[in-house]
Amino acid sequence: MQFIYHKLASQEHLKIDGELHNYIFKVRRHDKEKSIYFRNLIDDFIYEYEVEFLDKKIATLTLVAKEVKIISAKKKLHIGWCKIDFKNIEKVIASLNEIGVDKITFIECEYSQRNINLNFEKLEKLLQNSSSQSGRSDMIKLEYSKSLDEFLKLYPESYMFNFSTQNIENHKSNISTIILGCEGGFSSKEISKFSVDKIVGVDSDIILRSETAIVSIASKIIL
């Protein structure tokens, strides 16, 4: 664990109780004489706190120092992800955060499952833990778009990841936003919205699951 997430990190005093108290002082067995480092994952600072008061249920911490420390991917990548089963999103969201994906917009595409609800609160908790473990100084920003047309109005320069003779490796320097299909891929109507030069793929005949494909393309473009 590189730091601990707390939404109020930056304040002069922090009150630690409940689950977080248990994690810091029972699970991690933190020595109360040592500093604890926090981030709020909003600004670029890492905050150093000292334990002022500690009992079995509550701790009070005092801010003693702060430092600008930015740890993020060198390239910003925004992925438009046609909505898939939420359980499958949960499985890979931390990996995408560690790779350095900047933003994910979940899109209601033609083949998306309509009865799937997106729990952003749960995803943000996973992202907070991922950033704490990897040291990333921010986390993936999450958005929602009700249709591909709505998404393309906001991000008209988007690429599409699909079957293509244009290898993504040869275009990654130009890609800042890319759209990935759900299980079943894209409809012919959706594909027609992109010019041939904006559709990229990989050199493989194997059909990738959506969650496998998103980790693969994020790695190829960012790392």
C-alpha atoms as a PDB file:
ATOM      1  CA  MET A   1       0.000   0.000   0.000  1.00  0.00           C
ATOM      2  CA  GLN A   2       1.588   3.253  -1.193  1.00  0.00           C
ATOM      3  CA  PHE A   3      -0.894   5.540   0.590  1.00  0.00           C
ATOM      4  CA  ILE A   4      -4.399   5.498   2.070  1.00  0.00           C
ATOM      5  CA  TYR A   5      -7.366   7.134   0.388  1.00  0.00           C
ATOM      6  CA  HIS A   6      -9.410   9.613   2.389  1.00  0.00           C
ATOM      7  CA  LYS A   7     -11.749  12.112   0.741  1.00  0.00           C
ATOM      8  CA  LEU A   8     -10.872  14.737   3.386  1.00  0.00           C
ATOM      9  CA  ALA A   9      -7.103  14.381   3.094  1.00  0.00           C
ATOM     10  CA  SER A  10      -5.639  17.929   3.103  1.00  0.00           C
ATOM     11  CA  GLN A  11      -7.514  19.017   6.238  1.00  0.00           C
ATOM     12  CA  GLU A  12      -5.462  19.882   9.306  1.00  0.00           C
ATOM     13  CA  HIS A  13      -7.065  17.064  11.307  1.00  0.00           C
ATOM     14  CA  LEU A  14      -8.564  13.725  10.264  1.00  0.00           C
ATOM     15  CA  LYS A  15     -10.837  11.568  12.368  1.00  0.00           C
ATOM     16  CA  ILE A  16     -10.383   7.873  11.630  1.00  0.00           C
ATOM     17  CA  ASP A  17     -13.000   5.381  12.786  1.00  0.00           C
ATOM     18  CA  GLY A  18     -14.996   2.361  11.657  1.00  0.00           C
ATOM     19  CA  GLU A  19     -13.695   0.194   8.846  1.00  0.00           C
ATOM     20  CA  LEU A  20     -10.736   2.452   8.057  1.00  0.00           C
ATOM     21  CA  HIS A  21      -9.610   2.477  11.700  1.00  0.00           C
ATOM     22  CA  ASN A  22      -9.755  -1.320  11.746  1.00  0.00           C
ATOM     23  CA  TYR A  23      -7.782  -1.545   8.508  1.00  0.00           C
ATOM     24  CA  ILE A  24      -4.991   0.838   9.548  1.00  0.00           C
ATOM     25  CA  PHE A  25      -4.453  -0.209  13.136  1.00  0.00           C
ATOM     26  CA  LYS A  26      -5.607  -3.849  13.250  1.00  0.00           C
ATOM     27  CA  VAL A  27      -5.127  -5.277   9.765  1.00  0.00           C
ATOM     28  CA  ARG A  28      -1.971  -3.320   8.890  1.00  0.00           C
ATOM     29  CA  ARG A  29      -0.896  -3.032  12.546  1.00  0.00           C
ATOM     30  CA  HIS A  30       0.349   0.485  11.909  1.00  0.00           C
ATOM     31  CA  ASP A  31       2.806   1.789  14.488  1.00  0.00           C
ATOM     32  CA  LYS A  32       1.204   4.903  15.997  1.00  0.00           C
ATOM     33  CA  GLU A  33       4.641   6.518  16.238  1.00  0.00           C
ATOM     34  CA  LYS A  34       5.045   6.461  12.445  1.00  0.00           C
ATOM     35  CA  SER A  35       3.529   8.821   9.884  1.00  0.00           C
ATOM     36  CA  ILE A  36       0.589   7.792   7.715  1.00  0.00           C
ATOM     37  CA  TYR A  37       0.367   9.019   4.114  1.00  0.00           C
ATOM     38  CA  PHE A  38      -2.966   9.912   2.509  1.00  0.00           C
ATOM     39  CA  ARG A  39      -4.314  11.139  -0.819  1.00  0.00           C
ATOM     40  CA  ASN A  40      -7.747  12.455  -1.751  1.00  0.00           C
ATOM     41  CA  LEU A  41      -7.240  11.448  -5.442  1.00  0.00           C
ATOM     42  CA  ILE A  42      -8.446  14.889  -6.519  1.00  0.00           C
ATOM     43  CA  ASP A  43      -5.397  17.112  -6.165  1.00  0.00           C
ATOM     44  CA  ASP A  44      -1.733  16.242  -6.799  1.00  0.00           C
ATOM     45  CA  PHE A  45      -0.596  16.214  -3.173  1.00  0.00           C
ATOM     46  CA  ILE A  46       0.360  13.366  -0.897  1.00  0.00           C
ATOM     47  CA  TYR A  47      -0.325  14.272   2.740  1.00  0.00           C
ATOM     48  CA  GLU A  48       1.685  13.142   5.747  1.00  0.00           C
ATOM     49  CA  TYR A  49      -0.187  12.772   9.036  1.00  0.00           C
ATOM     50  CA  GLU A  50       0.910  11.867  12.545  1.00  0.00           C
ATOM     51  CA  VAL A  51      -1.252  10.082  15.118  1.00  0.00           C
ATOM     52  CA  GLU A  52      -2.344  12.530  17.795  1.00  0.00           C
ATOM     53  CA  PHE A  53      -4.834  10.305  19.627  1.00  0.00           C
ATOM     54  CA  LEU A  54      -5.615   6.591  19.346  1.00  0.00           C
ATOM     55  CA  ASP A  55      -7.950   4.203  21.131  1.00  0.00           C
ATOM     56  CA  LYS A  56      -9.739   1.004  20.105  1.00  0.00           C
ATOM     57  CA  LYS A  57     -12.344   2.776  17.985  1.00  0.00           C
ATOM     58  CA  ILE A  58     -11.139   6.253  17.052  1.00  0.00           C
ATOM     59  CA  ALA A  59      -7.916   7.946  15.984  1.00  0.00           C
ATOM     60  CA  THR A  60      -7.218  11.626  15.442  1.00  0.00           C
ATOM     61  CA  LEU A  61      -4.471  12.541  12.990  1.00  0.00           C
ATOM     62  CA  THR A  62      -2.692  15.853  12.480  1.00  0.00           C
ATOM     63  CA  LEU A  63      -1.281  17.072   9.161  1.00  0.00           C
ATOM     64  CA  VAL A  64       2.478  17.640   9.349  1.00  0.00           C
ATOM     65  CA  ALA A  65       3.531  17.921   5.693  1.00  0.00           C
ATOM     66  CA  LYS A  66       2.345  17.742   2.112  1.00  0.00           C
ATOM     67  CA  GLU A  67       4.153  17.255  -1.185  1.00  0.00           C
ATOM     68  CA  VAL A  68       3.192  17.495  -4.845  1.00  0.00           C
ATOM     69  CA  LYS A  69       3.785  14.029  -6.221  1.00  0.00           C
ATOM     70  CA  ILE A  70       2.192  13.140  -9.555  1.00  0.00           C
ATOM     71  CA  ILE A  71       2.245   9.499 -10.584  1.00  0.00           C
ATOM     72  CA  SER A  72       0.228   8.805 -13.723  1.00  0.00           C
ATOM     73  CA  ALA A  73       0.492   7.428 -17.237  1.00  0.00           C
ATOM     74  CA  LYS A  74       2.472   9.447 -19.772  1.00  0.00           C
ATOM     75  CA  LYS A  75      -0.368   9.131 -22.286  1.00  0.00           C
ATOM     76  CA  LYS A  76      -4.022   9.920 -21.574  1.00  0.00           C
ATOM     77  CA  LEU A  77      -6.490   7.400 -22.978  1.00  0.00           C
ATOM     78  CA  HIS A  78     -10.273   7.688 -22.923  1.00  0.00           C
ATOM     79  CA  ILE A  79     -12.184   4.479 -23.635  1.00  0.00           C
ATOM     80  CA  GLY A  80     -15.820   4.384 -24.676  1.00  0.00           C
ATOM     81  CA  TRP A  81     -16.961   0.950 -23.509  1.00  0.00           C
ATOM     82  CA  CYS A  82     -20.242  -0.462 -24.759  1.00  0.00           C
ATOM     83  CA  LYS A  83     -21.942  -1.659 -21.594  1.00  0.00           C
ATOM     84  CA  ILE A  84     -21.384  -5.286 -20.568  1.00  0.00           C
ATOM     85  CA  ASP A  85     -22.238  -7.388 -17.510  1.00  0.00           C
ATOM     86  CA  PHE A  86     -21.273  -5.416 -14.411  1.00  0.00           C
ATOM     87  CA  LYS A  87     -19.509  -8.424 -12.850  1.00  0.00           C
ATOM     88  CA  ASN A  88     -17.107  -8.508 -15.793  1.00  0.00           C
ATOM     89  CA  ILE A  89     -16.426  -4.782 -15.465  1.00  0.00           C
ATOM     90  CA  GLU A  90     -15.574  -5.315 -11.796  1.00  0.00           C
ATOM     91  CA  LYS A  91     -13.007  -7.977 -12.707  1.00  0.00           C
ATOM     92  CA  VAL A  92     -10.833  -5.689 -14.839  1.00  0.00           C
ATOM     93  CA  ILE A  93     -11.424  -2.128 -13.609  1.00  0.00           C
ATOM     94  CA  ALA A  94      -8.449  -2.230 -11.214  1.00  0.00           C
ATOM     95  CA  SER A  95      -6.133  -3.500 -13.957  1.00  0.00           C
ATOM     96  CA  LEU A  96      -7.231  -0.676 -16.255  1.00  0.00           C
ATOM     97  CA  ASN A  97      -6.541   1.812 -13.482  1.00  0.00           C
ATOM     98  CA  GLU A  98      -3.043   0.397 -12.942  1.00  0.00           C
ATOM     99  CA  ILE A  99      -2.310   0.543 -16.675  1.00  0.00           C
ATOM    100  CA  GLY A 100      -3.194   4.242 -16.539  1.00  0.00           C
ATOM    101  CA  VAL A 101      -6.496   4.647 -18.405  1.00  0.00           C
ATOM    102  CA  ASP A 102      -7.639   8.240 -17.854  1.00  0.00           C
ATOM    103  CA  LYS A 103     -11.387   7.904 -18.386  1.00  0.00           C
ATOM    104  CA  ILE A 104     -14.037   5.313 -19.230  1.00  0.00           C
ATOM    105  CA  THR A 105     -17.444   6.222 -20.610  1.00  0.00           C
ATOM    106  CA  PHE A 106     -19.957   3.374 -20.536  1.00  0.00           C
ATOM    107  CA  ILE A 107     -22.178   3.517 -23.628  1.00  0.00           C
ATOM    108  CA  GLU A 108     -25.584   1.990 -24.303  1.00  0.00           C
ATOM    109  CA  CYS A 109     -24.838   0.327 -27.641  1.00  0.00           C
ATOM    110  CA  GLU A 110     -27.185  -1.766 -29.781  1.00  0.00           C
ATOM    111  CA  TYR A 111     -25.952  -5.082 -28.395  1.00  0.00           C
ATOM    112  CA  SER A 112     -25.628  -3.930 -24.780  1.00  0.00           C
ATOM    113  CA  GLN A 113     -27.649  -5.787 -22.170  1.00  0.00           C
ATOM    114  CA  ARG A 114     -30.448  -3.428 -21.175  1.00  0.00           C
ATOM    115  CA  ASN A 115     -31.081  -4.876 -17.709  1.00  0.00           C
ATOM    116  CA  ILE A 116     -27.541  -4.207 -16.426  1.00  0.00           C
ATOM    117  CA  ASN A 117     -27.184  -1.481 -13.809  1.00  0.00           C
ATOM    118  CA  LEU A 118     -23.845   0.278 -13.351  1.00  0.00           C
ATOM    119  CA  ASN A 119     -22.856   0.773  -9.716  1.00  0.00           C
ATOM    120  CA  PHE A 120     -20.425   3.707  -9.968  1.00  0.00           C
ATOM    121  CA  GLU A 121     -20.039   3.874  -6.189  1.00  0.00           C
ATOM    122  CA  LYS A 122     -18.742   0.293  -6.111  1.00  0.00           C
ATOM    123  CA  LEU A 123     -16.411   0.900  -9.059  1.00  0.00           C
ATOM    124  CA  GLU A 124     -15.000   4.031  -7.436  1.00  0.00           C
ATOM    125  CA  LYS A 125     -14.241   2.045  -4.278  1.00  0.00           C
ATOM    126  CA  LEU A 126     -12.319  -0.493  -6.373  1.00  0.00           C
ATOM    127  CA  LEU A 127     -10.462   2.345  -8.103  1.00  0.00           C
ATOM    128  CA  GLN A 128      -9.544   3.986  -4.802  1.00  0.00           C
ATOM    129  CA  ASN A 129      -8.051   0.727  -3.555  1.00  0.00           C
ATOM    130  CA  SER A 130      -6.241   0.196  -6.865  1.00  0.00           C
ATOM    131  CA  SER A 131      -4.641   3.642  -6.779  1.00  0.00           C
ATOM    132  CA  SER A 132      -3.629   3.170  -3.136  1.00  0.00           C
ATOM    133  CA  GLN A 133      -1.872  -0.083  -4.007  1.00  0.00           C
ATOM    134  CA  SER A 134      -0.257   1.045  -7.261  1.00  0.00           C
ATOM    135  CA  GLY A 135       0.689   4.556  -6.147  1.00  0.00           C
ATOM    136  CA  ARG A 136      -1.313   6.267  -8.897  1.00  0.00           C
ATOM    137  CA  SER A 137      -2.065   9.823  -7.789  1.00  0.00           C
ATOM    138  CA  ASP A 138      -5.530   9.923  -9.365  1.00  0.00           C
ATOM    139  CA  MET A 139      -7.979   7.318 -10.643  1.00  0.00           C
ATOM    140  CA  ILE A 140     -10.078   6.582 -13.710  1.00  0.00           C
ATOM    141  CA  LYS A 141     -12.891   9.072 -14.276  1.00  0.00           C
ATOM    142  CA  LEU A 142     -16.224   7.380 -14.970  1.00  0.00           C
ATOM    143  CA  GLU A 143     -18.971   8.642 -17.264  1.00  0.00           C
ATOM    144  CA  TYR A 144     -22.144   7.307 -18.887  1.00  0.00           C
ATOM    145  CA  SER A 145     -23.582   7.926 -22.347  1.00  0.00           C
ATOM    146  CA  LYS A 146     -27.055   6.815 -23.361  1.00  0.00           C
ATOM    147  CA  SER A 147     -26.101   6.126 -26.995  1.00  0.00           C
ATOM    148  CA  LEU A 148     -23.192   5.885 -29.417  1.00  0.00           C
ATOM    149  CA  ASP A 149     -24.528   8.936 -31.274  1.00  0.00           C
ATOM    150  CA  GLU A 150     -24.480  10.975 -28.072  1.00  0.00           C
ATOM    151  CA  PHE A 151     -20.914   9.852 -27.371  1.00  0.00           C
ATOM    152  CA  LEU A 152     -19.684  10.722 -30.876  1.00  0.00           C
ATOM    153  CA  LYS A 153     -21.169  14.222 -30.641  1.00  0.00           C
ATOM    154  CA  LEU A 154     -18.908  14.821 -27.648  1.00  0.00           C
ATOM    155  CA  TYR A 155     -15.895  12.909 -28.985  1.00  0.00           C
ATOM    156  CA  PRO A 156     -16.038  13.052 -32.812  1.00  0.00           C
ATOM    157  CA  GLU A 157     -12.370  12.045 -33.258  1.00  0.00           C
ATOM    158  CA  SER A 158     -12.917   8.624 -31.662  1.00  0.00           C
ATOM    159  CA  TYR A 159     -11.497   5.435 -33.120  1.00  0.00           C
ATOM    160  CA  MET A 160     -13.312   2.112 -33.129  1.00  0.00           C
ATOM    161  CA  PHE A 161     -11.684  -1.160 -32.071  1.00  0.00           C
ATOM    162  CA  ASN A 162     -13.006  -3.897 -34.342  1.00  0.00           C
ATOM    163  CA  PHE A 163     -11.832  -6.421 -36.916  1.00  0.00           C
ATOM    164  CA  SER A 164      -9.518  -4.444 -39.188  1.00  0.00           C
ATOM    165  CA  THR A 165      -6.350  -4.783 -41.250  1.00  0.00           C
ATOM    166  CA  GLN A 166      -5.169  -1.547 -39.625  1.00  0.00           C
ATOM    167  CA  ASN A 167      -3.134  -2.640 -36.629  1.00  0.00           C
ATOM    168  CA  ILE A 168      -3.711  -0.568 -33.530  1.00  0.00           C
ATOM    169  CA  GLU A 169       0.047  -0.556 -32.852  1.00  0.00           C
ATOM    170  CA  ASN A 170       0.597   1.597 -35.953  1.00  0.00           C
ATOM    171  CA  HIS A 171      -1.975   4.212 -34.915  1.00  0.00           C
ATOM    172  CA  LYS A 172      -1.603   4.415 -31.137  1.00  0.00           C
ATOM    173  CA  SER A 173       0.156   7.790 -31.218  1.00  0.00           C
ATOM    174  CA  ASN A 174      -2.990   9.278 -32.831  1.00  0.00           C
ATOM    175  CA  ILE A 175      -5.516   7.633 -30.521  1.00  0.00           C
ATOM    176  CA  SER A 176      -6.763   9.567 -27.506  1.00  0.00           C
ATOM    177  CA  THR A 177     -10.289   8.120 -27.521  1.00  0.00           C
ATOM    178  CA  ILE A 178     -11.272   4.628 -28.657  1.00  0.00           C
ATOM    179  CA  ILE A 179     -14.587   2.769 -28.549  1.00  0.00           C
ATOM    180  CA  LEU A 180     -14.829  -0.891 -27.642  1.00  0.00           C
ATOM    181  CA  GLY A 181     -17.827  -3.124 -28.299  1.00  0.00           C
ATOM    182  CA  CYS A 182     -19.717  -5.378 -25.924  1.00  0.00           C
ATOM    183  CA  GLU A 183     -20.247  -9.121 -26.370  1.00  0.00           C
ATOM    184  CA  GLY A 184     -21.344  -9.524 -29.975  1.00  0.00           C
ATOM    185  CA  GLY A 185     -19.365  -6.504 -31.088  1.00  0.00           C
ATOM    186  CA  PHE A 186     -20.925  -3.669 -33.059  1.00  0.00           C
ATOM    187  CA  SER A 187     -23.947  -3.625 -35.343  1.00  0.00           C
ATOM    188  CA  SER A 188     -23.474  -2.778 -39.023  1.00  0.00           C
ATOM    189  CA  LYS A 189     -25.228   0.534 -38.351  1.00  0.00           C
ATOM    190  CA  GLU A 190     -22.709   1.405 -35.634  1.00  0.00           C
ATOM    191  CA  ILE A 191     -19.735   0.416 -37.798  1.00  0.00           C
ATOM    192  CA  SER A 192     -21.022   2.630 -40.607  1.00  0.00           C
ATOM    193  CA  LYS A 193     -20.560   5.681 -38.402  1.00  0.00           C
ATOM    194  CA  PHE A 194     -16.762   5.336 -38.712  1.00  0.00           C
ATOM    195  CA  SER A 195     -14.554   5.864 -41.724  1.00  0.00           C
ATOM    196  CA  VAL A 196     -12.224   2.979 -42.586  1.00  0.00           C
ATOM    197  CA  ASP A 197      -9.180   4.879 -41.348  1.00  0.00           C
ATOM    198  CA  LYS A 198     -10.785   5.230 -37.902  1.00  0.00           C
ATOM    199  CA  ILE A 199     -11.282   1.480 -37.379  1.00  0.00           C
ATOM    200  CA  VAL A 200      -8.332  -0.410 -35.892  1.00  0.00           C
ATOM    201  CA  GLY A 201      -7.731  -3.991 -34.787  1.00  0.00           C
ATOM    202  CA  VAL A 202      -5.059  -6.472 -33.780  1.00  0.00           C
ATOM    203  CA  ASP A 203      -3.153  -9.102 -35.735  1.00  0.00           C
ATOM    204  CA  SER A 204      -5.172 -12.076 -34.511  1.00  0.00           C
ATOM    205  CA  ASP A 205      -8.125 -14.144 -35.736  1.00  0.00           C
ATOM    206  CA  ILE A 206      -9.095 -15.072 -32.177  1.00  0.00           C
ATOM    207  CA  ILE A 207     -12.288 -13.435 -30.932  1.00  0.00           C
ATOM    208  CA  LEU A 208     -11.601 -11.619 -27.655  1.00  0.00           C
ATOM    209  CA  ARG A 209     -14.099 -11.162 -24.878  1.00  0.00           C
ATOM    210  CA  SER A 210     -14.861  -7.493 -24.272  1.00  0.00           C
ATOM    211  CA  GLU A 211     -13.031  -7.425 -20.920  1.00  0.00           C
ATOM    212  CA  THR A 212      -9.976  -9.137 -22.462  1.00  0.00           C
ATOM    213  CA  ALA A 213      -9.977  -6.721 -25.380  1.00  0.00           C
ATOM    214  CA  ILE A 214     -10.135  -3.606 -23.197  1.00  0.00           C
ATOM    215  CA  VAL A 215      -7.099  -4.618 -21.133  1.00  0.00           C
ATOM    216  CA  SER A 216      -5.221  -5.534 -24.322  1.00  0.00           C
ATOM    217  CA  ILE A 217      -5.856  -2.273 -26.164  1.00  0.00           C
ATOM    218  CA  ALA A 218      -5.192  -0.159 -23.077  1.00  0.00           C
ATOM    219  CA  SER A 219      -1.825  -1.892 -22.679  1.00  0.00           C
ATOM    220  CA  LYS A 220      -0.922  -1.488 -26.339  1.00  0.00           C
ATOM    221  CA  ILE A 221      -1.767   2.226 -26.420  1.00  0.00           C
ATOM    222  CA  ILE A 222      -0.485   3.362 -23.008  1.00  0.00           C
ATOM    223  CA  LEU A 223       2.398   1.105 -22.011  1.00  0.00           C
END
